[in-house]
mmCIF file of all heavy atoms, coordinates in Angstrom:
data_MODEL
# 
_entry.id   MODEL 
# 
loop_
_atom_site.group_PDB 
_atom_site.id 
_atom_site.type_symbol 
_atom_site.label_atom_id 
_atom_site.label_alt_id 
_atom_site.label_comp_id 
_atom_site.label_asym_id 
_atom_site.label_entity_id 
_atom_site.label_seq_id 
_atom_site.pdbx_PDB_ins_code 
_atom_site.Cartn_x 
_atom_site.Cartn_y 
_atom_site.Cartn_z 
_atom_site.occupancy 
_atom_site.B_iso_or_equiv 
_atom_site.pdbx_formal_charge 
_atom_site.auth_seq_id 
_atom_site.auth_comp_id 
_atom_site.auth_asym_id 
_atom_site.auth_atom_id 
_atom_site.pdbx_PDB_model_num 
ATOM 1   N N   . VAL A 1 1  ? -1.819  14.816 -16.325 1.00 0.00 ? 1  VAL A N   1 
ATOM 2   C CA  . VAL A 1 1  ? -1.222  14.480 -15.032 1.00 0.00 ? 1  VAL A CA  1 
ATOM 3   C C   . VAL A 1 1  ? -0.714  13.043 -15.091 1.00 0.00 ? 1  VAL A C   1 
ATOM 4   O O   . VAL A 1 1  ? -1.471  12.135 -15.431 1.00 0.00 ? 1  VAL A O   1 
ATOM 5   C CB  . VAL A 1 1  ? -2.259  14.643 -13.893 1.00 0.00 ? 1  VAL A CB  1 
ATOM 6   C CG1 . VAL A 1 1  ? -1.654  14.282 -12.556 1.00 0.00 ? 1  VAL A CG1 1 
ATOM 7   C CG2 . VAL A 1 1  ? -2.806  16.065 -13.861 1.00 0.00 ? 1  VAL A CG2 1 
ATOM 8   N N   . PRO A 1 2  ? 0.554   12.811 -14.757 1.00 0.00 ? 2  PRO A N   1 
ATOM 9   C CA  . PRO A 1 2  ? 1.074   11.439 -14.800 1.00 0.00 ? 2  PRO A CA  1 
ATOM 10  C C   . PRO A 1 2  ? 0.410   10.546 -13.745 1.00 0.00 ? 2  PRO A C   1 
ATOM 11  O O   . PRO A 1 2  ? 0.032   11.015 -12.670 1.00 0.00 ? 2  PRO A O   1 
ATOM 12  C CB  . PRO A 1 2  ? 2.563   11.610 -14.517 1.00 0.00 ? 2  PRO A CB  1 
ATOM 13  C CG  . PRO A 1 2  ? 2.691   12.916 -13.824 1.00 0.00 ? 2  PRO A CG  1 
ATOM 14  C CD  . PRO A 1 2  ? 1.564   13.774 -14.317 1.00 0.00 ? 2  PRO A CD  1 
ATOM 15  N N   . VAL A 1 3  ? 0.287   9.277  -14.082 1.00 0.00 ? 3  VAL A N   1 
ATOM 16  C CA  . VAL A 1 3  ? -0.336  8.295  -13.191 1.00 0.00 ? 3  VAL A CA  1 
ATOM 17  C C   . VAL A 1 3  ? 0.727   7.293  -12.761 1.00 0.00 ? 3  VAL A C   1 
ATOM 18  O O   . VAL A 1 3  ? 1.519   6.825  -13.581 1.00 0.00 ? 3  VAL A O   1 
ATOM 19  C CB  . VAL A 1 3  ? -1.487  7.554  -13.907 1.00 0.00 ? 3  VAL A CB  1 
ATOM 20  C CG1 . VAL A 1 3  ? -2.072  6.476  -13.020 1.00 0.00 ? 3  VAL A CG1 1 
ATOM 21  C CG2 . VAL A 1 3  ? -2.561  8.537  -14.347 1.00 0.00 ? 3  VAL A CG2 1 
ATOM 22  N N   . PHE A 1 4  ? 0.729   6.964  -11.469 1.00 0.00 ? 4  PHE A N   1 
ATOM 23  C CA  . PHE A 1 4  ? 1.655   5.983  -10.921 1.00 0.00 ? 4  PHE A CA  1 
ATOM 24  C C   . PHE A 1 4  ? 0.846   4.903  -10.224 1.00 0.00 ? 4  PHE A C   1 
ATOM 25  O O   . PHE A 1 4  ? -0.184  5.172  -9.610  1.00 0.00 ? 4  PHE A O   1 
ATOM 26  C CB  . PHE A 1 4  ? 2.617   6.642  -9.932  1.00 0.00 ? 4  PHE A CB  1 
ATOM 27  C CG  . PHE A 1 4  ? 3.523   7.636  -10.587 1.00 0.00 ? 4  PHE A CG  1 
ATOM 28  C CD1 . PHE A 1 4  ? 3.114   8.955  -10.755 1.00 0.00 ? 4  PHE A CD1 1 
ATOM 29  C CD2 . PHE A 1 4  ? 4.759   7.257  -11.072 1.00 0.00 ? 4  PHE A CD2 1 
ATOM 30  C CE1 . PHE A 1 4  ? 3.929   9.874  -11.383 1.00 0.00 ? 4  PHE A CE1 1 
ATOM 31  C CE2 . PHE A 1 4  ? 5.582   8.166  -11.707 1.00 0.00 ? 4  PHE A CE2 1 
ATOM 32  C CZ  . PHE A 1 4  ? 5.171   9.488  -11.869 1.00 0.00 ? 4  PHE A CZ  1 
ATOM 33  N N   . GLU A 1 5  ? 1.336   3.684  -10.293 1.00 0.00 ? 5  GLU A N   1 
ATOM 34  C CA  . GLU A 1 5  ? 0.642   2.523  -9.729  1.00 0.00 ? 5  GLU A CA  1 
ATOM 35  C C   . GLU A 1 5  ? 1.516   1.879  -8.662  1.00 0.00 ? 5  GLU A C   1 
ATOM 36  O O   . GLU A 1 5  ? 2.730   1.751  -8.847  1.00 0.00 ? 5  GLU A O   1 
ATOM 37  C CB  . GLU A 1 5  ? 0.385   1.527  -10.849 1.00 0.00 ? 5  GLU A CB  1 
ATOM 38  C CG  . GLU A 1 5  ? -0.085  0.192  -10.362 1.00 0.00 ? 5  GLU A CG  1 
ATOM 39  C CD  . GLU A 1 5  ? 0.023   -0.860 -11.450 1.00 0.00 ? 5  GLU A CD  1 
ATOM 40  O OE1 . GLU A 1 5  ? 0.747   -0.644 -12.437 1.00 0.00 ? 5  GLU A OE1 1 
ATOM 41  O OE2 . GLU A 1 5  ? -0.598  -1.896 -11.287 1.00 0.00 ? 5  GLU A OE2 1 
ATOM 42  N N   . TYR A 1 6  ? 0.884   1.459  -7.570  1.00 0.00 ? 6  TYR A N   1 
ATOM 43  C CA  . TYR A 1 6  ? 1.597   0.800  -6.481  1.00 0.00 ? 6  TYR A CA  1 
ATOM 44  C C   . TYR A 1 6  ? 0.841   -0.450 -6.050  1.00 0.00 ? 6  TYR A C   1 
ATOM 45  O O   . TYR A 1 6  ? -0.384  -0.432 -5.931  1.00 0.00 ? 6  TYR A O   1 
ATOM 46  C CB  . TYR A 1 6  ? 1.775   1.765  -5.299  1.00 0.00 ? 6  TYR A CB  1 
ATOM 47  C CG  . TYR A 1 6  ? 2.582   2.964  -5.705  1.00 0.00 ? 6  TYR A CG  1 
ATOM 48  C CD1 . TYR A 1 6  ? 1.966   4.138  -6.130  1.00 0.00 ? 6  TYR A CD1 1 
ATOM 49  C CD2 . TYR A 1 6  ? 3.975   2.896  -5.746  1.00 0.00 ? 6  TYR A CD2 1 
ATOM 50  C CE1 . TYR A 1 6  ? 2.713   5.223  -6.554  1.00 0.00 ? 6  TYR A CE1 1 
ATOM 51  C CE2 . TYR A 1 6  ? 4.730   3.969  -6.179  1.00 0.00 ? 6  TYR A CE2 1 
ATOM 52  C CZ  . TYR A 1 6  ? 4.090   5.131  -6.581  1.00 0.00 ? 6  TYR A CZ  1 
ATOM 53  O OH  . TYR A 1 6  ? 4.829   6.193  -7.016  1.00 0.00 ? 6  TYR A OH  1 
ATOM 54  N N   . ALA A 1 7  ? 1.592   -1.508 -5.816  1.00 0.00 ? 7  ALA A N   1 
ATOM 55  C CA  . ALA A 1 7  ? 1.008   -2.771 -5.360  1.00 0.00 ? 7  ALA A CA  1 
ATOM 56  C C   . ALA A 1 7  ? 0.382   -2.577 -3.984  1.00 0.00 ? 7  ALA A C   1 
ATOM 57  O O   . ALA A 1 7  ? 0.906   -1.821 -3.151  1.00 0.00 ? 7  ALA A O   1 
ATOM 58  C CB  . ALA A 1 7  ? 2.084   -3.851 -5.294  1.00 0.00 ? 7  ALA A CB  1 
ATOM 59  N N   . PRO A 1 8  ? -0.743  -3.245 -3.710  1.00 0.00 ? 8  PRO A N   1 
ATOM 60  C CA  . PRO A 1 8  ? -1.406  -3.108 -2.414  1.00 0.00 ? 8  PRO A CA  1 
ATOM 61  C C   . PRO A 1 8  ? -0.472  -3.351 -1.220  1.00 0.00 ? 8  PRO A C   1 
ATOM 62  O O   . PRO A 1 8  ? -0.526  -2.608 -0.234  1.00 0.00 ? 8  PRO A O   1 
ATOM 63  C CB  . PRO A 1 8  ? -2.529  -4.145 -2.468  1.00 0.00 ? 8  PRO A CB  1 
ATOM 64  C CG  . PRO A 1 8  ? -2.828  -4.273 -3.926  1.00 0.00 ? 8  PRO A CG  1 
ATOM 65  C CD  . PRO A 1 8  ? -1.496  -4.117 -4.620  1.00 0.00 ? 8  PRO A CD  1 
ATOM 66  N N   . ALA A 1 9  ? 0.396   -4.351 -1.310  1.00 0.00 ? 9  ALA A N   1 
ATOM 67  C CA  . ALA A 1 9  ? 1.318   -4.638 -0.194  1.00 0.00 ? 9  ALA A CA  1 
ATOM 68  C C   . ALA A 1 9  ? 2.298   -3.492 0.017   1.00 0.00 ? 9  ALA A C   1 
ATOM 69  O O   . ALA A 1 9  ? 2.635   -3.153 1.159   1.00 0.00 ? 9  ALA A O   1 
ATOM 70  C CB  . ALA A 1 9  ? 2.064   -5.946 -0.448  1.00 0.00 ? 9  ALA A CB  1 
ATOM 71  N N   . MET A 1 10 ? 2.758   -2.858 -1.067  1.00 0.00 ? 10 MET A N   1 
ATOM 72  C CA  . MET A 1 10 ? 3.675   -1.722 -0.956  1.00 0.00 ? 10 MET A CA  1 
ATOM 73  C C   . MET A 1 10 ? 2.968   -0.535 -0.288  1.00 0.00 ? 10 MET A C   1 
ATOM 74  O O   . MET A 1 10 ? 3.556   0.159  0.538   1.00 0.00 ? 10 MET A O   1 
ATOM 75  C CB  . MET A 1 10 ? 4.190   -1.307 -2.329  1.00 0.00 ? 10 MET A CB  1 
ATOM 76  C CG  . MET A 1 10 ? 5.199   -0.167 -2.257  1.00 0.00 ? 10 MET A CG  1 
ATOM 77  S SD  . MET A 1 10 ? 5.714   0.435  -3.885  1.00 0.00 ? 10 MET A SD  1 
ATOM 78  C CE  . MET A 1 10 ? 6.589   -0.983 -4.497  1.00 0.00 ? 10 MET A CE  1 
ATOM 79  N N   . VAL A 1 11 ? 1.711   -0.321 -0.641  1.00 0.00 ? 11 VAL A N   1 
ATOM 80  C CA  . VAL A 1 11 ? 0.929   0.768  -0.048  1.00 0.00 ? 11 VAL A CA  1 
ATOM 81  C C   . VAL A 1 11 ? 0.794   0.550  1.452   1.00 0.00 ? 11 VAL A C   1 
ATOM 82  O O   . VAL A 1 11 ? 1.007   1.464  2.253   1.00 0.00 ? 11 VAL A O   1 
ATOM 83  C CB  . VAL A 1 11 ? -0.465  0.872  -0.714  1.00 0.00 ? 11 VAL A CB  1 
ATOM 84  C CG1 . VAL A 1 11 ? -1.363  1.843  0.039   1.00 0.00 ? 11 VAL A CG1 1 
ATOM 85  C CG2 . VAL A 1 11 ? -0.328  1.282  -2.179  1.00 0.00 ? 11 VAL A CG2 1 
ATOM 86  N N   . LYS A 1 12 ? 0.490   -0.675 1.851   1.00 0.00 ? 12 LYS A N   1 
ATOM 87  C CA  . LYS A 1 12 ? 0.331   -0.980 3.283   1.00 0.00 ? 12 LYS A CA  1 
ATOM 88  C C   . LYS A 1 12 ? 1.638   -0.786 4.040   1.00 0.00 ? 12 LYS A C   1 
ATOM 89  O O   . LYS A 1 12 ? 1.644   -0.230 5.139   1.00 0.00 ? 12 LYS A O   1 
ATOM 90  C CB  . LYS A 1 12 ? -0.202  -2.399 3.454   1.00 0.00 ? 12 LYS A CB  1 
ATOM 91  C CG  . LYS A 1 12 ? -1.646  -2.535 2.990   1.00 0.00 ? 12 LYS A CG  1 
ATOM 92  C CD  . LYS A 1 12 ? -2.123  -3.961 3.055   1.00 0.00 ? 12 LYS A CD  1 
ATOM 93  C CE  . LYS A 1 12 ? -3.548  -4.063 2.545   1.00 0.00 ? 12 LYS A CE  1 
ATOM 94  N NZ  . LYS A 1 12 ? -4.036  -5.438 2.577   1.00 0.00 ? 12 LYS A NZ  1 
ATOM 95  N N   . ARG A 1 13 ? 2.736   -1.207 3.448   1.00 0.00 ? 13 ARG A N   1 
ATOM 96  C CA  . ARG A 1 13 ? 4.036   -1.013 4.112   1.00 0.00 ? 13 ARG A CA  1 
ATOM 97  C C   . ARG A 1 13 ? 4.390   0.467  4.230   1.00 0.00 ? 13 ARG A C   1 
ATOM 98  O O   . ARG A 1 13 ? 5.013   0.898  5.201   1.00 0.00 ? 13 ARG A O   1 
ATOM 99  C CB  . ARG A 1 13 ? 5.133   -1.770 3.365   1.00 0.00 ? 13 ARG A CB  1 
ATOM 100 C CG  . ARG A 1 13 ? 5.095   -3.274 3.605   1.00 0.00 ? 13 ARG A CG  1 
ATOM 101 C CD  . ARG A 1 13 ? 6.346   -3.965 3.078   1.00 0.00 ? 13 ARG A CD  1 
ATOM 102 N NE  . ARG A 1 13 ? 6.590   -3.727 1.667   1.00 0.00 ? 13 ARG A NE  1 
ATOM 103 C CZ  . ARG A 1 13 ? 6.109   -4.481 0.673   1.00 0.00 ? 13 ARG A CZ  1 
ATOM 104 N NH1 . ARG A 1 13 ? 5.364   -5.526 0.950   1.00 0.00 ? 13 ARG A NH1 1 
ATOM 105 N NH2 . ARG A 1 13 ? 6.389   -4.195 -0.579  1.00 0.00 ? 13 ARG A NH2 1 
ATOM 106 N N   . ALA A 1 14 ? 3.998   1.274  3.250   1.00 0.00 ? 14 ALA A N   1 
ATOM 107 C CA  . ALA A 1 14 ? 4.313   2.704  3.262   1.00 0.00 ? 14 ALA A CA  1 
ATOM 108 C C   . ALA A 1 14 ? 3.674   3.438  4.429   1.00 0.00 ? 14 ALA A C   1 
ATOM 109 O O   . ALA A 1 14 ? 4.190   4.443  4.888   1.00 0.00 ? 14 ALA A O   1 
ATOM 110 C CB  . ALA A 1 14 ? 3.877   3.351  1.948   1.00 0.00 ? 14 ALA A CB  1 
ATOM 111 N N   . VAL A 1 15 ? 2.545   2.919  4.920   1.00 0.00 ? 15 VAL A N   1 
ATOM 112 C CA  . VAL A 1 15 ? 1.885   3.569  6.057   1.00 0.00 ? 15 VAL A CA  1 
ATOM 113 C C   . VAL A 1 15 ? 2.190   2.851  7.364   1.00 0.00 ? 15 VAL A C   1 
ATOM 114 O O   . VAL A 1 15 ? 1.617   3.163  8.402   1.00 0.00 ? 15 VAL A O   1 
ATOM 115 C CB  . VAL A 1 15 ? 0.361   3.718  5.849   1.00 0.00 ? 15 VAL A CB  1 
ATOM 116 C CG1 . VAL A 1 15 ? 0.065   4.646  4.686   1.00 0.00 ? 15 VAL A CG1 1 
ATOM 117 C CG2 . VAL A 1 15 ? -0.327  2.372  5.686   1.00 0.00 ? 15 VAL A CG2 1 
ATOM 118 N N   . GLY A 1 16 ? 3.088   1.867  7.299   1.00 0.00 ? 16 GLY A N   1 
ATOM 119 C CA  . GLY A 1 16 ? 3.540   1.217  8.529   1.00 0.00 ? 16 GLY A CA  1 
ATOM 120 C C   . GLY A 1 16 ? 2.792   -0.018 8.948   1.00 0.00 ? 16 GLY A C   1 
ATOM 121 O O   . GLY A 1 16 ? 2.895   -0.448 10.096  1.00 0.00 ? 16 GLY A O   1 
ATOM 122 N N   . THR A 1 17 ? 2.035   -0.606 8.039   1.00 0.00 ? 17 THR A N   1 
ATOM 123 C CA  . THR A 1 17 ? 1.368   -1.874 8.354   1.00 0.00 ? 17 THR A CA  1 
ATOM 124 C C   . THR A 1 17 ? 1.999   -2.957 7.495   1.00 0.00 ? 17 THR A C   1 
ATOM 125 O O   . THR A 1 17 ? 2.694   -2.672 6.536   1.00 0.00 ? 17 THR A O   1 
ATOM 126 C CB  . THR A 1 17 ? -0.150  -1.818 8.069   1.00 0.00 ? 17 THR A CB  1 
ATOM 127 O OG1 . THR A 1 17 ? -0.356  -1.606 6.674   1.00 0.00 ? 17 THR A OG1 1 
ATOM 128 C CG2 . THR A 1 17 ? -0.823  -0.714 8.863   1.00 0.00 ? 17 THR A CG2 1 
ATOM 129 N N   . GLY A 1 18 ? 1.748   -4.194 7.832   1.00 0.00 ? 18 GLY A N   1 
ATOM 130 C CA  . GLY A 1 18 ? 2.270   -5.297 7.030   1.00 0.00 ? 18 GLY A CA  1 
ATOM 131 C C   . GLY A 1 18 ? 1.520   -5.416 5.718   1.00 0.00 ? 18 GLY A C   1 
ATOM 132 O O   . GLY A 1 18 ? 0.418   -4.891 5.566   1.00 0.00 ? 18 GLY A O   1 
ATOM 133 N N   . GLY A 1 19 ? 2.116   -6.115 4.777   1.00 0.00 ? 19 GLY A N   1 
ATOM 134 C CA  . GLY A 1 19 ? 1.519   -6.293 3.465   1.00 0.00 ? 19 GLY A CA  1 
ATOM 135 C C   . GLY A 1 19 ? 0.195   -7.013 3.460   1.00 0.00 ? 19 GLY A C   1 
ATOM 136 O O   . GLY A 1 19 ? -0.599  -6.859 2.552   1.00 0.00 ? 19 GLY A O   1 
ATOM 137 N N   . ALA A 1 20 ? -0.095  -7.781 4.512   1.00 0.00 ? 20 ALA A N   1 
ATOM 138 C CA  . ALA A 1 20 ? -1.360  -8.511 4.587   1.00 0.00 ? 20 ALA A CA  1 
ATOM 139 C C   . ALA A 1 20 ? -2.304  -7.891 5.611   1.00 0.00 ? 20 ALA A C   1 
ATOM 140 O O   . ALA A 1 20 ? -3.259  -8.516 6.048   1.00 0.00 ? 20 ALA A O   1 
ATOM 141 C CB  . ALA A 1 20 ? -1.089  -9.968 4.944   1.00 0.00 ? 20 ALA A CB  1 
ATOM 142 N N   . ALA A 1 21 ? -2.068  -6.646 6.002   1.00 0.00 ? 21 ALA A N   1 
ATOM 143 C CA  . ALA A 1 21 ? -2.863  -5.985 7.037   1.00 0.00 ? 21 ALA A CA  1 
ATOM 144 C C   . ALA A 1 21 ? -4.314  -5.811 6.601   1.00 0.00 ? 21 ALA A C   1 
ATOM 145 O O   . ALA A 1 21 ? -4.612  -5.604 5.430   1.00 0.00 ? 21 ALA A O   1 
ATOM 146 C CB  . ALA A 1 21 ? -2.263  -4.625 7.373   1.00 0.00 ? 21 ALA A CB  1 
ATOM 147 N N   . ALA A 1 22 ? -5.202  -5.856 7.577   1.00 0.00 ? 22 ALA A N   1 
ATOM 148 C CA  . ALA A 1 22 ? -6.630  -5.647 7.334   1.00 0.00 ? 22 ALA A CA  1 
ATOM 149 C C   . ALA A 1 22 ? -6.894  -4.161 7.109   1.00 0.00 ? 22 ALA A C   1 
ATOM 150 O O   . ALA A 1 22 ? -6.095  -3.303 7.489   1.00 0.00 ? 22 ALA A O   1 
ATOM 151 C CB  . ALA A 1 22 ? -7.431  -6.141 8.534   1.00 0.00 ? 22 ALA A CB  1 
ATOM 152 N N   . LYS A 1 23 ? -8.050  -3.863 6.496   1.00 0.00 ? 23 LYS A N   1 
ATOM 153 C CA  . LYS A 1 23 ? -8.421  -2.479 6.220   1.00 0.00 ? 23 LYS A CA  1 
ATOM 154 C C   . LYS A 1 23 ? -8.441  -1.625 7.486   1.00 0.00 ? 23 LYS A C   1 
ATOM 155 O O   . LYS A 1 23 ? -8.080  -0.450 7.453   1.00 0.00 ? 23 LYS A O   1 
ATOM 156 C CB  . LYS A 1 23 ? -9.786  -2.420 5.534   1.00 0.00 ? 23 LYS A CB  1 
ATOM 157 C CG  . LYS A 1 23 ? -9.721  -2.803 4.073   1.00 0.00 ? 23 LYS A CG  1 
ATOM 158 C CD  . LYS A 1 23 ? -11.004 -2.390 3.374   1.00 0.00 ? 23 LYS A CD  1 
ATOM 159 C CE  . LYS A 1 23 ? -10.908 -2.578 1.888   1.00 0.00 ? 23 LYS A CE  1 
ATOM 160 N NZ  . LYS A 1 23 ? -10.090 -1.568 1.235   1.00 0.00 ? 23 LYS A NZ  1 
ATOM 161 N N   . GLU A 1 24 ? -8.858  -2.205 8.586   1.00 0.00 ? 24 GLU A N   1 
ATOM 162 C CA  . GLU A 1 24 ? -8.924  -1.460 9.856   1.00 0.00 ? 24 GLU A CA  1 
ATOM 163 C C   . GLU A 1 24 ? -7.531  -1.021 10.301  1.00 0.00 ? 24 GLU A C   1 
ATOM 164 O O   . GLU A 1 24 ? -7.353  0.080  10.811  1.00 0.00 ? 24 GLU A O   1 
ATOM 165 C CB  . GLU A 1 24 ? -9.582  -2.296 10.958  1.00 0.00 ? 24 GLU A CB  1 
ATOM 166 C CG  . GLU A 1 24 ? -11.034 -2.644 10.693  1.00 0.00 ? 24 GLU A CG  1 
ATOM 167 C CD  . GLU A 1 24 ? -11.234 -3.794 9.706   1.00 0.00 ? 24 GLU A CD  1 
ATOM 168 O OE1 . GLU A 1 24 ? -10.286 -4.609 9.489   1.00 0.00 ? 24 GLU A OE1 1 
ATOM 169 O OE2 . GLU A 1 24 ? -12.326 -3.857 9.113   1.00 0.00 ? 24 GLU A OE2 1 
# 
């Protein structure tokens, strides 16, 4: 299965939060 990596800030933006958003 291929593996893909995403930067934490990109992950947060993908769900609609800012790159520095808290876990909550």
